[in-house]
């Protein structure tokens, strides 16, 4: 059984496997008897033709299709990446995760809109435009609040703002820097200052969870920023919530970040390409193996 792992960055035989999650996936695939190769979108030439349904051009050569594709591009996925995995999908290749699901969680405002429709708890969220209605912001979100770029991960593009003057200065700075992205303003959940929960979901199973705590006094607790991690027990309530969230976005695997709140958990973000170094360091879960067990199970069911 052959699989392709698609990453956003240029593939380098030496440096690519230095990234923890990719190295673990590569090792685990071999242990599960899968023949897996790592590629980036720029190595492919999608060719749409009625006579080309069973192959694709890879590094300039016509290549047979794999049995599955595992997408590891995350929120920074560009058009070329999305169009490539849509092409894979049109050729009938099983995709983990699918392009529509990746797009849903890439856009944080759209994420909030879908959570609202599903009746799931999340911080109040507003699109930040050139003309901000400060009275509405003050009444519905309040200060301090969190300013976020529409797309991002690992705590990047997330700033705690104390007042409207700080927000205005930041927006002016980004405009002067010719940043052409969009922002959202989001309610700050003080109960979760410097701590949150990351749940890793594979298929219909919450396989592991960890509590992340900031080690530098920051309100962000990401492991990639040096946050402390510890195993967090998966209760039935936590598992049910995580699966509900996963189902909203129709993801095969995901990382769900939950905020502590006096009334229970609130959804902070959903990640279609979560790293799992922190999880494997503080739990007894082999996350990489869980991913390939799920993929093999899904492929087997398709053959029945």
C-alpha atoms as a PDB file:
ATOM      1  CA  UNK A   1       0.000   0.000   0.000  1.00  0.00           C
ATOM      2  CA  UNK A   2       1.483   3.322  -1.119  1.00  0.00           C
ATOM      3  CA  UNK A   3       0.794   6.763   0.324  1.00  0.00           C
ATOM      4  CA  UNK A   4       1.928  10.315  -0.269  1.00  0.00           C
ATOM      5  CA  UNK A   5       2.381  12.908   2.475  1.00  0.00           C
ATOM      6  CA  UNK A   6       1.984  16.406   1.015  1.00  0.00           C
ATOM      7  CA  UNK A   7       3.759  19.222   2.850  1.00  0.00           C
ATOM      8  CA  UNK A   8       3.811  22.953   2.139  1.00  0.00           C
ATOM      9  CA  UNK A   9       7.567  23.539   2.176  1.00  0.00           C
ATOM     10  CA  UNK A  10      10.157  22.442  -0.335  1.00  0.00           C
ATOM     11  CA  UNK A  11      11.133  18.806   0.224  1.00  0.00           C
ATOM     12  CA  UNK A  12      14.724  18.274   1.288  1.00  0.00           C
ATOM     13  CA  UNK A  13      15.832  14.723   2.026  1.00  0.00           C
ATOM     14  CA  UNK A  14      17.963  15.886   4.948  1.00  0.00           C
ATOM     15  CA  UNK A  15      15.991  18.671   6.623  1.00  0.00           C
ATOM     16  CA  UNK A  16      12.409  17.477   5.965  1.00  0.00           C
ATOM     17  CA  UNK A  17      12.659  14.544   8.377  1.00  0.00           C
ATOM     18  CA  UNK A  18      14.184  16.785  11.048  1.00  0.00           C
ATOM     19  CA  UNK A  19      10.643  18.034  11.683  1.00  0.00           C
ATOM     20  CA  UNK A  20       9.373  15.847  14.521  1.00  0.00           C
ATOM     21  CA  UNK A  21       5.876  15.004  13.286  1.00  0.00           C
ATOM     22  CA  UNK A  22       7.032  14.208   9.748  1.00  0.00           C
ATOM     23  CA  UNK A  23       9.821  11.989  11.026  1.00  0.00           C
ATOM     24  CA  UNK A  24       7.426  10.124  13.290  1.00  0.00           C
ATOM     25  CA  UNK A  25       4.911   9.682  10.465  1.00  0.00           C
ATOM     26  CA  UNK A  26       7.630   8.356   8.189  1.00  0.00           C
ATOM     27  CA  UNK A  27       8.820   5.895  10.851  1.00  0.00           C
ATOM     28  CA  UNK A  28       5.312   4.773  11.778  1.00  0.00           C
ATOM     29  CA  UNK A  29       4.264   4.244   8.164  1.00  0.00           C
ATOM     30  CA  UNK A  30       7.200   1.870   7.665  1.00  0.00           C
ATOM     31  CA  UNK A  31       6.324   0.022  10.878  1.00  0.00           C
ATOM     32  CA  UNK A  32       2.744  -0.406   9.611  1.00  0.00           C
ATOM     33  CA  UNK A  33       3.974  -1.807   6.300  1.00  0.00           C
ATOM     34  CA  UNK A  34       3.109   1.271   4.247  1.00  0.00           C
ATOM     35  CA  UNK A  35       5.296   2.662   1.487  1.00  0.00           C
ATOM     36  CA  UNK A  36       5.112   6.416   2.072  1.00  0.00           C
ATOM     37  CA  UNK A  37       6.782   9.296   0.203  1.00  0.00           C
ATOM     38  CA  UNK A  38       6.865  13.004   1.115  1.00  0.00           C
ATOM     39  CA  UNK A  39       6.233  15.619  -1.585  1.00  0.00           C
ATOM     40  CA  UNK A  40       5.366  19.307  -1.922  1.00  0.00           C
ATOM     41  CA  UNK A  41       2.851  20.849  -4.389  1.00  0.00           C
ATOM     42  CA  UNK A  42       5.549  22.319  -6.637  1.00  0.00           C
ATOM     43  CA  UNK A  43       6.679  18.799  -7.580  1.00  0.00           C
ATOM     44  CA  UNK A  44       3.362  18.066  -9.300  1.00  0.00           C
ATOM     45  CA  UNK A  45       1.760  19.195 -12.537  1.00  0.00           C
ATOM     46  CA  UNK A  46      -1.990  18.565 -12.317  1.00  0.00           C
ATOM     47  CA  UNK A  47      -3.213  17.758 -15.823  1.00  0.00           C
ATOM     48  CA  UNK A  48      -6.970  17.581 -16.284  1.00  0.00           C
ATOM     49  CA  UNK A  49      -7.901  15.331 -19.197  1.00  0.00           C
ATOM     50  CA  UNK A  50     -10.307  12.455 -19.842  1.00  0.00           C
ATOM     51  CA  UNK A  51      -7.365  10.290 -20.833  1.00  0.00           C
ATOM     52  CA  UNK A  52      -5.371  10.948 -17.642  1.00  0.00           C
ATOM     53  CA  UNK A  53      -7.571   9.594 -14.830  1.00  0.00           C
ATOM     54  CA  UNK A  54      -5.118   7.028 -13.458  1.00  0.00           C
ATOM     55  CA  UNK A  55      -1.889   8.979 -13.173  1.00  0.00           C
ATOM     56  CA  UNK A  56      -0.361  12.356 -12.447  1.00  0.00           C
ATOM     57  CA  UNK A  57       2.803  14.150 -13.461  1.00  0.00           C
ATOM     58  CA  UNK A  58       5.328  14.055 -10.633  1.00  0.00           C
ATOM     59  CA  UNK A  59       8.757  15.647 -11.150  1.00  0.00           C
ATOM     60  CA  UNK A  60       8.007  15.736 -14.868  1.00  0.00           C
ATOM     61  CA  UNK A  61       7.149  12.037 -15.174  1.00  0.00           C
ATOM     62  CA  UNK A  62       3.765  10.336 -15.465  1.00  0.00           C
ATOM     63  CA  UNK A  63       3.320   8.474 -12.187  1.00  0.00           C
ATOM     64  CA  UNK A  64       0.701   5.944 -10.970  1.00  0.00           C
ATOM     65  CA  UNK A  65      -1.674   7.201  -8.303  1.00  0.00           C
ATOM     66  CA  UNK A  66      -1.103   6.285  -4.638  1.00  0.00           C
ATOM     67  CA  UNK A  67      -3.575   4.442  -2.437  1.00  0.00           C
ATOM     68  CA  UNK A  68      -3.999   7.502  -0.220  1.00  0.00           C
ATOM     69  CA  UNK A  69      -2.781  11.053   0.416  1.00  0.00           C
ATOM     70  CA  UNK A  70      -2.131  12.522   3.871  1.00  0.00           C
ATOM     71  CA  UNK A  71      -2.168  16.337   3.779  1.00  0.00           C
ATOM     72  CA  UNK A  72       0.227  18.150   6.128  1.00  0.00           C
ATOM     73  CA  UNK A  73      -0.040  21.775   4.980  1.00  0.00           C
ATOM     74  CA  UNK A  74      -2.175  23.361   7.692  1.00  0.00           C
ATOM     75  CA  UNK A  75      -3.510  26.910   7.832  1.00  0.00           C
ATOM     76  CA  UNK A  76      -0.766  28.317   5.596  1.00  0.00           C
ATOM     77  CA  UNK A  77      -1.871  26.214   2.655  1.00  0.00           C
ATOM     78  CA  UNK A  78      -1.894  28.241  -0.574  1.00  0.00           C
ATOM     79  CA  UNK A  79      -3.983  27.945  -3.740  1.00  0.00           C
ATOM     80  CA  UNK A  80      -1.520  25.555  -5.372  1.00  0.00           C
ATOM     81  CA  UNK A  81      -1.813  23.167  -2.427  1.00  0.00           C
ATOM     82  CA  UNK A  82      -5.607  23.300  -2.330  1.00  0.00           C
ATOM     83  CA  UNK A  83      -5.923  22.863  -6.092  1.00  0.00           C
ATOM     84  CA  UNK A  84      -3.554  19.887  -5.987  1.00  0.00           C
ATOM     85  CA  UNK A  85      -5.472  18.002  -3.323  1.00  0.00           C
ATOM     86  CA  UNK A  86      -8.755  18.832  -5.078  1.00  0.00           C
ATOM     87  CA  UNK A  87      -7.216  17.264  -8.177  1.00  0.00           C
ATOM     88  CA  UNK A  88      -6.255  14.182  -6.160  1.00  0.00           C
ATOM     89  CA  UNK A  89      -9.808  14.026  -4.851  1.00  0.00           C
ATOM     90  CA  UNK A  90     -11.261  14.292  -8.387  1.00  0.00           C
ATOM     91  CA  UNK A  91      -9.102  11.308  -9.366  1.00  0.00           C
ATOM     92  CA  UNK A  92     -10.705   9.249  -6.588  1.00  0.00           C
ATOM     93  CA  UNK A  93      -7.713   9.096  -4.235  1.00  0.00           C
ATOM     94  CA  UNK A  94      -8.722   8.894  -0.530  1.00  0.00           C
ATOM     95  CA  UNK A  95      -7.597  12.174   1.092  1.00  0.00           C
ATOM     96  CA  UNK A  96      -6.876  12.801   4.786  1.00  0.00           C
ATOM     97  CA  UNK A  97      -7.941  15.701   5.347  1.00  0.00           C
ATOM     98  CA  UNK A  98     -10.128  16.773   2.440  1.00  0.00           C
ATOM     99  CA  UNK A  99      -9.677  20.230   0.865  1.00  0.00           C
ATOM    100  CA  UNK A 100     -13.112  21.572   1.870  1.00  0.00           C
ATOM    101  CA  UNK A 101     -12.449  20.673   5.504  1.00  0.00           C
ATOM    102  CA  UNK A 102      -9.020  22.320   5.437  1.00  0.00           C
ATOM    103  CA  UNK A 103     -10.533  25.508   4.005  1.00  0.00           C
ATOM    104  CA  UNK A 104     -13.170  25.642   6.727  1.00  0.00           C
ATOM    105  CA  UNK A 105     -10.655  25.686   9.587  1.00  0.00           C
ATOM    106  CA  UNK A 106      -8.121  27.853   7.723  1.00  0.00           C
ATOM    107  CA  UNK A 107     -10.553  30.798   8.039  1.00  0.00           C
ATOM    108  CA  UNK A 108     -11.075  31.604  11.736  1.00  0.00           C
ATOM    109  CA  UNK A 109     -14.176  33.703  11.128  1.00  0.00           C
ATOM    110  CA  UNK A 110     -15.746  30.915   9.082  1.00  0.00           C
ATOM    111  CA  UNK A 111     -14.773  28.510  11.877  1.00  0.00           C
ATOM    112  CA  UNK A 112     -16.746  30.663  14.347  1.00  0.00           C
ATOM    113  CA  UNK A 113     -19.742  30.823  11.988  1.00  0.00           C
ATOM    114  CA  UNK A 114     -19.860  27.031  11.672  1.00  0.00           C
ATOM    115  CA  UNK A 115     -19.494  26.591  15.442  1.00  0.00           C
ATOM    116  CA  UNK A 116     -22.393  29.012  15.914  1.00  0.00           C
ATOM    117  CA  UNK A 117     -24.556  27.012  13.513  1.00  0.00           C
ATOM    118  CA  UNK A 118     -23.715  23.826  15.433  1.00  0.00           C
ATOM    119  CA  UNK A 119     -24.511  25.424  18.796  1.00  0.00           C
ATOM    120  CA  UNK A 120     -20.989  24.921  20.146  1.00  0.00           C
ATOM    121  CA  UNK A 121     -19.394  27.372  22.624  1.00  0.00           C
ATOM    122  CA  UNK A 122     -16.714  29.787  21.369  1.00  0.00           C
ATOM    123  CA  UNK A 123     -15.554  33.335  22.187  1.00  0.00           C
ATOM    124  CA  UNK A 124     -17.548  36.194  20.652  1.00  0.00           C
ATOM    125  CA  UNK A 125     -15.906  37.078  17.331  1.00  0.00           C
ATOM    126  CA  UNK A 126     -16.056  40.061  14.971  1.00  0.00           C
ATOM    127  CA  UNK A 127     -14.376  40.865  11.658  1.00  0.00           C
ATOM    128  CA  UNK A 128     -11.963  43.785  11.996  1.00  0.00           C
ATOM    129  CA  UNK A 129     -12.593  46.252   9.156  1.00  0.00           C
ATOM    130  CA  UNK A 130     -11.134  49.679   8.340  1.00  0.00           C
ATOM    131  CA  UNK A 131     -14.039  51.394  10.112  1.00  0.00           C
ATOM    132  CA  UNK A 132     -14.396  49.711  13.499  1.00  0.00           C
ATOM    133  CA  UNK A 133     -17.603  50.279  15.471  1.00  0.00           C
ATOM    134  CA  UNK A 134     -15.959  50.789  18.858  1.00  0.00           C
ATOM    135  CA  UNK A 135     -19.258  50.976  20.730  1.00  0.00           C
ATOM    136  CA  UNK A 136     -20.289  47.594  19.322  1.00  0.00           C
ATOM    137  CA  UNK A 137     -16.858  46.164  20.146  1.00  0.00           C
ATOM    138  CA  UNK A 138     -17.075  47.477  23.701  1.00  0.00           C
ATOM    139  CA  UNK A 139     -20.614  46.149  24.246  1.00  0.00           C
ATOM    140  CA  UNK A 140     -20.305  42.734  22.575  1.00  0.00           C
ATOM    141  CA  UNK A 141     -16.646  41.785  23.064  1.00  0.00           C
ATOM    142  CA  UNK A 142     -15.158  44.125  25.669  1.00  0.00           C
ATOM    143  CA  UNK A 143     -11.563  44.873  26.632  1.00  0.00           C
ATOM    144  CA  UNK A 144      -9.047  43.413  26.776  1.00  0.00           C
ATOM    145  CA  UNK A 145      -9.650  41.415  23.604  1.00  0.00           C
ATOM    146  CA  UNK A 146      -7.662  39.224  21.257  1.00  0.00           C
ATOM    147  CA  UNK A 147      -6.718  40.366  17.762  1.00  0.00           C
ATOM    148  CA  UNK A 148      -6.046  37.487  15.352  1.00  0.00           C
ATOM    149  CA  UNK A 149      -5.132  37.131  11.717  1.00  0.00           C
ATOM    150  CA  UNK A 150      -7.826  35.237   9.812  1.00  0.00           C
ATOM    151  CA  UNK A 151      -5.419  32.369   9.235  1.00  0.00           C
ATOM    152  CA  UNK A 152      -2.532  31.125  11.375  1.00  0.00           C
ATOM    153  CA  UNK A 153      -1.274  28.538  13.844  1.00  0.00           C
ATOM    154  CA  UNK A 154       1.270  28.010  16.651  1.00  0.00           C
ATOM    155  CA  UNK A 155       0.166  31.263  18.284  1.00  0.00           C
ATOM    156  CA  UNK A 156       1.343  33.326  15.311  1.00  0.00           C
ATOM    157  CA  UNK A 157      -0.708  36.420  14.498  1.00  0.00           C
ATOM    158  CA  UNK A 158      -2.432  36.433  17.898  1.00  0.00           C
ATOM    159  CA  UNK A 159      -2.127  39.555  20.087  1.00  0.00           C
ATOM    160  CA  UNK A 160      -3.797  40.497  23.372  1.00  0.00           C
ATOM    161  CA  UNK A 161      -4.983  44.125  23.090  1.00  0.00           C
ATOM    162  CA  UNK A 162      -5.849  46.188  26.163  1.00  0.00           C
ATOM    163  CA  UNK A 163      -7.712  49.065  24.495  1.00  0.00           C
ATOM    164  CA  UNK A 164      -8.898  50.500  21.178  1.00  0.00           C
ATOM    165  CA  UNK A 165      -5.793  52.682  20.807  1.00  0.00           C
ATOM    166  CA  UNK A 166      -3.577  49.599  20.773  1.00  0.00           C
ATOM    167  CA  UNK A 167      -5.758  47.935  18.142  1.00  0.00           C
ATOM    168  CA  UNK A 168      -5.751  51.053  15.965  1.00  0.00           C
ATOM    169  CA  UNK A 169      -1.960  51.305  16.144  1.00  0.00           C
ATOM    170  CA  UNK A 170      -1.548  47.645  15.214  1.00  0.00           C
ATOM    171  CA  UNK A 171      -3.893  47.915  12.248  1.00  0.00           C
ATOM    172  CA  UNK A 172      -2.062  51.034  11.023  1.00  0.00           C
ATOM    173  CA  UNK A 173       1.253  49.242  11.398  1.00  0.00           C
ATOM    174  CA  UNK A 174       0.096  46.221   9.410  1.00  0.00           C
ATOM    175  CA  UNK A 175      -1.365  48.445   6.698  1.00  0.00           C
ATOM    176  CA  UNK A 176       1.906  50.379   6.470  1.00  0.00           C
ATOM    177  CA  UNK A 177       3.720  47.042   6.163  1.00  0.00           C
ATOM    178  CA  UNK A 178       1.444  46.201   3.203  1.00  0.00           C
ATOM    179  CA  UNK A 179      -0.054  43.212   5.013  1.00  0.00           C
ATOM    180  CA  UNK A 180      -3.122  42.431   2.915  1.00  0.00           C
ATOM    181  CA  UNK A 181      -4.697  39.873   5.207  1.00  0.00           C
ATOM    182  CA  UNK A 182      -7.772  40.248   7.397  1.00  0.00           C
ATOM    183  CA  UNK A 183      -8.185  40.292  11.173  1.00  0.00           C
ATOM    184  CA  UNK A 184     -10.788  39.259  13.679  1.00  0.00           C
ATOM    185  CA  UNK A 185     -11.444  40.649  17.140  1.00  0.00           C
ATOM    186  CA  UNK A 186     -12.257  37.971  19.694  1.00  0.00           C
ATOM    187  CA  UNK A 187     -13.461  37.911  23.288  1.00  0.00           C
ATOM    188  CA  UNK A 188     -10.646  37.334  25.784  1.00  0.00           C
ATOM    189  CA  UNK A 189     -11.419  34.404  28.109  1.00  0.00           C
ATOM    190  CA  UNK A 190      -9.626  35.380  31.305  1.00  0.00           C
ATOM    191  CA  UNK A 191     -10.263  31.997  32.985  1.00  0.00           C
ATOM    192  CA  UNK A 192      -7.895  30.471  30.424  1.00  0.00           C
ATOM    193  CA  UNK A 193      -5.057  33.019  30.659  1.00  0.00           C
ATOM    194  CA  UNK A 194      -1.814  31.175  29.886  1.00  0.00           C
ATOM    195  CA  UNK A 195      -3.409  27.728  29.721  1.00  0.00           C
ATOM    196  CA  UNK A 196      -5.577  25.617  27.436  1.00  0.00           C
ATOM    197  CA  UNK A 197      -6.298  22.041  26.347  1.00  0.00           C
ATOM    198  CA  UNK A 198      -5.213  20.448  23.069  1.00  0.00           C
ATOM    199  CA  UNK A 199      -7.197  17.355  22.057  1.00  0.00           C
ATOM    200  CA  UNK A 200      -5.984  15.224  19.149  1.00  0.00           C
ATOM    201  CA  UNK A 201      -8.779  13.481  17.270  1.00  0.00           C
ATOM    202  CA  UNK A 202      -8.304  10.675  14.744  1.00  0.00           C
ATOM    203  CA  UNK A 203     -11.423   9.360  13.052  1.00  0.00           C
ATOM    204  CA  UNK A 204     -14.097   9.064  15.728  1.00  0.00           C
ATOM    205  CA  UNK A 205     -11.660   8.820  18.617  1.00  0.00           C
ATOM    206  CA  UNK A 206     -10.082  11.437  20.861  1.00  0.00           C
ATOM    207  CA  UNK A 207      -6.734   9.645  21.087  1.00  0.00           C
ATOM    208  CA  UNK A 208      -4.888  11.992  23.459  1.00  0.00           C
ATOM    209  CA  UNK A 209      -5.155  15.309  25.265  1.00  0.00           C
ATOM    210  CA  UNK A 210      -2.726  17.593  27.032  1.00  0.00           C
ATOM    211  CA  UNK A 211      -2.910  20.686  29.149  1.00  0.00           C
ATOM    212  CA  UNK A 212      -0.613  23.462  27.915  1.00  0.00           C
ATOM    213  CA  UNK A 213       0.660  26.154  30.259  1.00  0.00           C
ATOM    214  CA  UNK A 214       2.680  29.230  29.335  1.00  0.00           C
ATOM    215  CA  UNK A 215       6.136  29.338  30.862  1.00  0.00           C
ATOM    216  CA  UNK A 216       6.884  33.009  30.151  1.00  0.00           C
ATOM    217  CA  UNK A 217       3.871  34.799  31.605  1.00  0.00           C
ATOM    218  CA  UNK A 218       2.221  35.016  28.179  1.00  0.00           C
ATOM    219  CA  UNK A 219      -1.494  34.449  27.652  1.00  0.00           C
ATOM    220  CA  UNK A 220      -0.535  31.972  24.878  1.00  0.00           C
ATOM    221  CA  UNK A 221       0.355  28.433  25.968  1.00  0.00           C
ATOM    222  CA  UNK A 222       1.539  26.842  22.696  1.00  0.00           C
ATOM    223  CA  UNK A 223       4.117  24.042  23.021  1.00  0.00           C
ATOM    224  CA  UNK A 224       5.926  25.515  20.002  1.00  0.00           C
ATOM    225  CA  UNK A 225       6.464  28.698  22.055  1.00  0.00           C
ATOM    226  CA  UNK A 226       8.014  26.797  24.952  1.00  0.00           C
ATOM    227  CA  UNK A 227       4.822  26.094  26.890  1.00  0.00           C
ATOM    228  CA  UNK A 228       4.803  23.354  29.524  1.00  0.00           C
ATOM    229  CA  UNK A 229       2.675  20.304  28.666  1.00  0.00           C
ATOM    230  CA  UNK A 230       1.135  17.567  30.795  1.00  0.00           C
ATOM    231  CA  UNK A 231      -1.229  14.702  30.158  1.00  0.00           C
ATOM    232  CA  UNK A 232      -4.906  15.625  30.495  1.00  0.00           C
ATOM    233  CA  UNK A 233      -7.496  12.897  31.127  1.00  0.00           C
ATOM    234  CA  UNK A 234     -10.040  12.361  28.370  1.00  0.00           C
ATOM    235  CA  UNK A 235     -13.423  12.225  30.045  1.00  0.00           C
ATOM    236  CA  UNK A 236     -16.565  11.174  28.201  1.00  0.00           C
ATOM    237  CA  UNK A 237     -17.651  14.828  28.179  1.00  0.00           C
ATOM    238  CA  UNK A 238     -14.359  15.957  26.637  1.00  0.00           C
ATOM    239  CA  UNK A 239     -14.404  13.129  24.086  1.00  0.00           C
ATOM    240  CA  UNK A 240     -18.001  13.861  23.046  1.00  0.00           C
ATOM    241  CA  UNK A 241     -17.235  17.569  22.625  1.00  0.00           C
ATOM    242  CA  UNK A 242     -14.119  16.881  20.547  1.00  0.00           C
ATOM    243  CA  UNK A 243     -15.961  14.466  18.245  1.00  0.00           C
ATOM    244  CA  UNK A 244     -18.817  16.948  17.776  1.00  0.00           C
ATOM    245  CA  UNK A 245     -16.334  19.635  16.774  1.00  0.00           C
ATOM    246  CA  UNK A 246     -14.514  17.272  14.398  1.00  0.00           C
ATOM    247  CA  UNK A 247     -17.833  16.338  12.769  1.00  0.00           C
ATOM    248  CA  UNK A 248     -18.763  19.993  12.170  1.00  0.00           C
ATOM    249  CA  UNK A 249     -15.704  20.389   9.943  1.00  0.00           C
ATOM    250  CA  UNK A 250     -15.759  16.819   8.567  1.00  0.00           C
ATOM    251  CA  UNK A 251     -12.113  16.304   9.440  1.00  0.00           C
ATOM    252  CA  UNK A 252     -10.397  12.907   9.470  1.00  0.00           C
ATOM    253  CA  UNK A 253      -7.836  14.072  12.004  1.00  0.00           C
ATOM    254  CA  UNK A 254      -7.384  17.352  13.823  1.00  0.00           C
ATOM    255  CA  UNK A 255      -6.088  19.172  16.833  1.00  0.00           C
ATOM    256  CA  UNK A 256      -8.757  20.999  18.851  1.00  0.00           C
ATOM    257  CA  UNK A 257      -7.750  23.790  21.218  1.00  0.00           C
ATOM    258  CA  UNK A 258     -10.154  24.357  24.095  1.00  0.00           C
ATOM    259  CA  UNK A 259     -10.227  27.252  26.549  1.00  0.00           C
ATOM    260  CA  UNK A 260     -11.121  26.910  30.221  1.00  0.00           C
ATOM    261  CA  UNK A 261     -14.326  28.740  31.087  1.00  0.00           C
ATOM    262  CA  UNK A 262     -16.472  28.945  34.192  1.00  0.00           C
ATOM    263  CA  UNK A 263     -19.298  27.189  32.325  1.00  0.00           C
ATOM    264  CA  UNK A 264     -17.063  24.516  30.788  1.00  0.00           C
ATOM    265  CA  UNK A 265     -14.821  24.480  27.735  1.00  0.00           C
ATOM    266  CA  UNK A 266     -14.951  26.953  24.845  1.00  0.00           C
ATOM    267  CA  UNK A 267     -13.524  26.236  21.392  1.00  0.00           C
ATOM    268  CA  UNK A 268     -10.476  28.369  20.650  1.00  0.00           C
ATOM    269  CA  UNK A 269      -9.259  26.946  17.329  1.00  0.00           C
ATOM    270  CA  UNK A 270      -9.339  23.827  15.174  1.00  0.00           C
ATOM    271  CA  UNK A 271      -6.146  22.742  13.393  1.00  0.00           C
ATOM    272  CA  UNK A 272      -6.180  20.484  10.316  1.00  0.00           C
ATOM    273  CA  UNK A 273      -2.431  19.808  10.537  1.00  0.00           C
ATOM    274  CA  UNK A 274      -1.569  19.575  14.237  1.00  0.00           C
ATOM    275  CA  UNK A 275       1.918  18.746  15.389  1.00  0.00           C
ATOM    276  CA  UNK A 276       2.106  16.080  18.068  1.00  0.00           C
ATOM    277  CA  UNK A 277       5.560  16.275  19.609  1.00  0.00           C
ATOM    278  CA  UNK A 278       4.113  17.763  22.783  1.00  0.00           C
ATOM    279  CA  UNK A 279       1.385  15.115  22.997  1.00  0.00           C
ATOM    280  CA  UNK A 280       3.773  12.211  22.537  1.00  0.00           C
ATOM    281  CA  UNK A 281       6.152  13.704  25.101  1.00  0.00           C
ATOM    282  CA  UNK A 282       3.577  13.768  27.903  1.00  0.00           C
ATOM    283  CA  UNK A 283       1.206  10.897  27.085  1.00  0.00           C
ATOM    284  CA  UNK A 284       1.599   7.203  26.344  1.00  0.00           C
ATOM    285  CA  UNK A 285      -0.072   7.642  22.950  1.00  0.00           C
ATOM    286  CA  UNK A 286       1.674   6.807  19.680  1.00  0.00           C
ATOM    287  CA  UNK A 287      -0.157   9.474  17.679  1.00  0.00           C
ATOM    288  CA  UNK A 288       1.580   8.673  14.379  1.00  0.00           C
ATOM    289  CA  UNK A 289       0.559   5.020  14.630  1.00  0.00           C
ATOM    290  CA  UNK A 290      -3.038   5.997  15.454  1.00  0.00           C
ATOM    291  CA  UNK A 291      -3.149   8.029  12.233  1.00  0.00           C
ATOM    292  CA  UNK A 292      -2.044   5.145  10.030  1.00  0.00           C
ATOM    293  CA  UNK A 293      -4.242   2.618  11.814  1.00  0.00           C
ATOM    294  CA  UNK A 294      -7.178   4.880  10.965  1.00  0.00           C
ATOM    295  CA  UNK A 295      -6.080   5.291   7.339  1.00  0.00           C
ATOM    296  CA  UNK A 296      -5.649   1.521   6.885  1.00  0.00           C
ATOM    297  CA  UNK A 297      -9.076   0.908   8.432  1.00  0.00           C
ATOM    298  CA  UNK A 298     -10.726   3.450   6.112  1.00  0.00           C
ATOM    299  CA  UNK A 299      -9.037   2.006   3.035  1.00  0.00           C
ATOM    300  CA  UNK A 300      -9.985  -1.544   4.015  1.00  0.00           C
ATOM    301  CA  UNK A 301     -13.632  -0.553   4.435  1.00  0.00           C
ATOM    302  CA  UNK A 302     -13.626   0.982   0.946  1.00  0.00           C
ATOM    303  CA  UNK A 303     -12.522  -2.351  -0.477  1.00  0.00           C
ATOM    304  CA  UNK A 304     -15.295  -4.340   1.199  1.00  0.00           C
END
